[in-house]
Structure formats: C-alpha cells, structure tokens
Amino acid sequence: MAEIKSTLDLVMEKTRHLTLSREEKEENRRRELAGRLKGLLQQLEDGLLDVEALTTKIDGLLQGGDEEERSLLCRHLMAHVNDEKENGPWIRLLTQYCRADAAQLEQAVQEVRRQMDAAVTERRRQLLDELASQGVSGSAVRPNLDGDAVLDEKRRRLAGHLSDMLAQMVPLS
C-alpha cells in the first residue's frame, strides 16, 4: 500500500534540489532587516523602548557596517520625523547613524511648523470671515478645523516638503 503524503511533504520532495540564488538570499536578508528595523522603531514610537535600548538593538542588527543597511535605517528614521510631534529621539538617531546635522534637521522641522501654524491661522481667519458673511459671529464662534479639506491638503504638502528637505540633509550613501 502506498504511503499517504502531506502537501508539505510533496512540496519538499519536489523542491529539494532548488536553492536560492545569491540575489534572492540578499533580497530576503534585506527584507528581514527592514522588517526588524521597522518593528524596533515602532517600539520606540510606542514608548516600549528607550533610545539607548534601541541603539543597542540596532547595533546588533547592523554588525556588518554595510552602507546599504545604514541607508535603509536612515530612510526608516526619516519617515518618523514630522512637524506634529517631538522629534528629539529621531533627530538623535539620525545624527548618530546617518551623519546628519541635528541643528539643520531641527531647523527644517521648525520651519515646517511655522508654515503650518501660519496656514492654520489663515484658514481659521478665512472660515471666520465666511461665517461672518453668513451672519454668524461672536466671541464663542470657533471654526472646526478638524477634517478641513483645505488644511489637510496644506498639511500633506508641508509633510512632503519636510520629507524632501530631510532627504537633502541626510546623506544616504
């Protein structure tokens, strides 16, 4: 009587002679590293790791000192910098691992914050003027800026502008 084989056994039997090419192995390693870095950086974002613990873990991952790995880390770090939160840990890590100038990075974030504050003030004034033209005015009138399409678009453009500035300030190679 023939042995009944599981699907896994059949697949393993058919693919036993196959091996990954050097490029496939390298791609798998890069993908795994990217996933680990993303997870570690999210732990910092969530407050589960402090900068020192994260630094130790990153140093363990980047043992080879490969430029491509460093560049990958820098891109992930830049993605966490934005004008709506405290960026101290991210700027510190960008300075440490990516040879970036902390003062320049902070200046870029501050510039985008100033532009966003000006946009919020201007939009609030526009909405108050619109309401006043409809006969709605007074000290209690406060325009709802949450979900305002004009302001959301401005926020997206400024976030893209910040990303562009960071890309120019952080050497990736």
Protein backbone atom coordinates (compact mmCIF):
# COMPACT_ATOMS: atom_id res chain seq x y z
CA MET A 1 0.00 0.00 0.00
CA ALA A 2 1.34 3.44 -0.94
CA GLU A 3 2.24 5.92 1.75
CA ILE A 4 -0.06 8.92 2.05
CA LYS A 5 1.98 12.11 1.95
CA SER A 6 1.05 15.53 3.22
CA THR A 7 1.09 18.53 0.94
CA LEU A 8 4.17 19.81 2.72
CA ASP A 9 5.97 16.50 2.14
CA LEU A 10 5.08 16.64 -1.55
CA VAL A 11 6.30 20.22 -1.90
CA MET A 12 9.54 19.46 -0.06
CA GLU A 13 10.14 16.41 -2.23
CA LYS A 14 9.62 18.38 -5.46
CA THR A 15 11.73 21.37 -4.41
CA ARG A 16 14.57 19.56 -2.62
CA HIS A 17 17.06 20.34 -5.37
CA LEU A 18 16.17 24.06 -5.58
CA THR A 19 18.36 26.63 -3.88
CA LEU A 20 18.17 30.38 -3.60
CA SER A 21 20.46 32.45 -5.75
CA ARG A 22 22.80 34.96 -4.16
CA GLU A 23 20.48 37.80 -5.19
CA GLU A 24 17.44 36.04 -3.67
CA LYS A 25 19.31 35.42 -0.42
CA GLU A 26 20.38 39.07 -0.29
CA GLU A 27 16.83 40.26 -1.01
CA ASN A 28 15.46 38.03 1.76
CA ARG A 29 18.09 39.36 4.17
CA ARG A 30 17.25 42.98 3.26
CA ARG A 31 13.52 42.33 3.64
CA GLU A 32 14.06 40.70 7.04
CA LEU A 33 16.30 43.57 8.17
CA ALA A 34 13.75 46.15 7.02
CA GLY A 35 11.02 44.36 8.97
CA ARG A 36 13.14 44.19 12.12
CA LEU A 37 14.14 47.84 11.87
CA LYS A 38 10.55 48.89 11.32
CA GLY A 39 9.45 46.89 14.36
CA LEU A 40 12.19 48.32 16.59
CA LEU A 41 11.45 51.88 15.52
CA GLN A 42 7.75 51.33 16.17
CA GLN A 43 8.63 50.15 19.68
CA LEU A 44 10.41 53.46 20.27
CA GLU A 45 7.41 55.31 18.85
CA ASP A 46 5.09 53.39 21.20
CA GLY A 47 7.33 54.02 24.21
CA LEU A 48 8.23 50.35 24.65
CA LEU A 49 11.95 51.03 24.09
CA ASP A 50 14.11 53.96 25.05
CA VAL A 51 16.77 55.36 22.72
CA GLU A 52 19.62 53.58 24.49
CA ALA A 53 17.96 50.16 24.27
CA LEU A 54 17.05 50.80 20.64
CA THR A 55 20.63 51.83 19.86
CA THR A 56 21.92 48.57 21.34
CA LYS A 57 19.47 46.53 19.28
CA ILE A 58 20.24 48.45 16.08
CA ASP A 59 23.98 47.98 16.65
CA GLY A 60 23.33 44.24 16.95
CA LEU A 61 21.42 44.21 13.67
CA LEU A 62 23.93 46.31 11.74
CA GLN A 63 27.03 44.38 12.68
CA GLY A 64 28.38 44.28 9.13
CA GLY A 65 28.55 48.04 8.74
CA ASP A 66 27.11 47.72 5.23
CA GLU A 67 26.31 51.11 3.60
CA GLU A 68 23.09 49.72 2.18
CA GLU A 69 21.93 48.69 5.67
CA ARG A 70 22.79 52.12 7.04
CA SER A 71 20.93 53.76 4.18
CA LEU A 72 17.88 51.59 4.89
CA LEU A 73 18.00 52.59 8.56
CA CYS A 74 18.28 56.27 7.64
CA ARG A 75 15.24 56.10 5.36
CA HIS A 76 13.21 54.45 8.13
CA LEU A 77 14.36 57.06 10.66
CA MET A 78 13.49 59.95 8.35
CA ALA A 79 9.98 58.56 7.94
CA HIS A 80 9.38 59.10 11.68
CA VAL A 81 10.29 62.79 11.70
CA ASN A 82 7.32 65.12 11.36
CA ASP A 83 6.17 68.55 12.44
CA GLU A 84 3.37 67.35 14.71
CA LYS A 85 5.36 65.66 17.46
CA GLU A 86 8.57 65.72 19.47
CA ASN A 87 11.41 64.63 17.21
CA GLY A 88 14.28 64.60 19.71
CA PRO A 89 14.86 60.82 19.68
CA TRP A 90 14.57 60.61 15.88
CA ILE A 91 16.97 63.50 15.32
CA ARG A 92 19.40 62.00 17.81
CA LEU A 93 19.32 58.67 15.94
CA LEU A 94 19.67 60.39 12.55
CA THR A 95 22.69 62.24 13.89
CA GLN A 96 24.21 59.08 15.34
CA TYR A 97 23.67 56.68 12.44
CA CYS A 98 23.23 58.88 9.38
CA ARG A 99 25.82 61.63 9.83
CA ALA A 100 23.11 64.28 9.80
CA ASP A 101 23.40 67.71 11.38
CA ALA A 102 20.96 67.92 14.30
CA ALA A 103 20.68 71.71 14.14
CA GLN A 104 19.80 71.60 10.44
CA LEU A 105 17.18 68.90 10.99
CA GLU A 106 15.60 70.78 13.89
CA GLN A 107 15.59 73.98 11.85
CA ALA A 108 13.76 72.22 8.99
CA VAL A 109 11.13 70.85 11.38
CA GLN A 110 10.69 74.28 12.99
CA GLU A 111 10.30 75.92 9.59
CA VAL A 112 7.55 73.49 8.60
CA ARG A 113 5.88 74.03 11.99
CA ARG A 114 5.91 77.81 11.43
CA GLN A 115 4.41 77.37 7.98
CA MET A 116 1.72 75.05 9.35
CA ASP A 117 0.88 77.43 12.20
CA ALA A 118 0.56 80.27 9.68
CA ALA A 119 -1.68 78.10 7.48
CA VAL A 120 -3.92 77.23 10.46
CA THR A 121 -4.19 80.90 11.45
CA GLU A 122 -5.00 81.94 7.89
CA ARG A 123 -7.57 79.18 7.41
CA ARG A 124 -9.23 80.00 10.74
CA ARG A 125 -9.47 83.65 9.64
CA GLN A 126 -10.96 82.62 6.28
CA LEU A 127 -13.58 80.43 7.93
CA LEU A 128 -14.48 83.15 10.44
CA ASP A 129 -14.89 85.62 7.56
CA GLU A 130 -17.16 83.14 5.74
CA LEU A 131 -19.25 82.65 8.86
CA ALA A 132 -19.43 86.40 9.46
CA SER A 133 -20.67 86.93 5.89
CA GLN A 134 -23.48 84.47 6.70
CA GLY A 135 -24.35 86.44 9.82
CA VAL A 136 -22.64 84.12 12.31
CA SER A 137 -20.21 85.95 14.57
CA GLY A 138 -19.27 86.47 18.18
CA SER A 139 -16.65 85.52 20.71
CA ALA A 140 -17.97 81.96 21.02
CA VAL A 141 -17.67 81.17 17.30
CA ARG A 142 -14.83 78.72 16.67
CA PRO A 143 -14.36 77.19 13.21
CA ASN A 144 -13.88 73.44 13.22
CA LEU A 145 -10.55 72.81 11.53
CA ASP A 146 -10.62 69.05 12.09
CA GLY A 147 -11.08 67.39 8.74
CA ASP A 148 -10.92 70.68 6.82
CA ALA A 149 -10.00 69.65 3.28
CA VAL A 150 -8.01 72.81 2.54
CA LEU A 151 -5.96 72.48 5.72
CA ASP A 152 -5.48 68.74 5.25
CA GLU A 153 -4.11 69.35 1.76
CA LYS A 154 -1.74 72.01 3.08
CA ARG A 155 -0.61 69.58 5.82
CA ARG A 156 0.11 66.88 3.20
CA ARG A 157 2.10 69.32 1.06
CA LEU A 158 4.14 70.51 4.04
CA ALA A 159 4.81 66.92 5.13
CA GLY A 160 6.11 66.21 1.62
CA HIS A 161 8.22 69.36 1.76
CA LEU A 162 9.71 68.25 5.08
CA SER A 163 10.48 64.83 3.63
CA ASP A 164 12.22 66.47 0.68
CA MET A 165 14.29 68.70 2.98
CA LEU A 166 15.28 65.72 5.14
CA ALA A 167 16.31 63.75 2.05
CA GLN A 168 18.66 66.58 1.12
CA MET A 169 20.11 66.84 4.64
CA VAL A 170 20.66 63.17 5.37
CA PRO A 171 23.38 61.52 3.30
CA LEU A 172 22.18 58.08 2.21
CA SER A 173 25.36 56.89 0.57
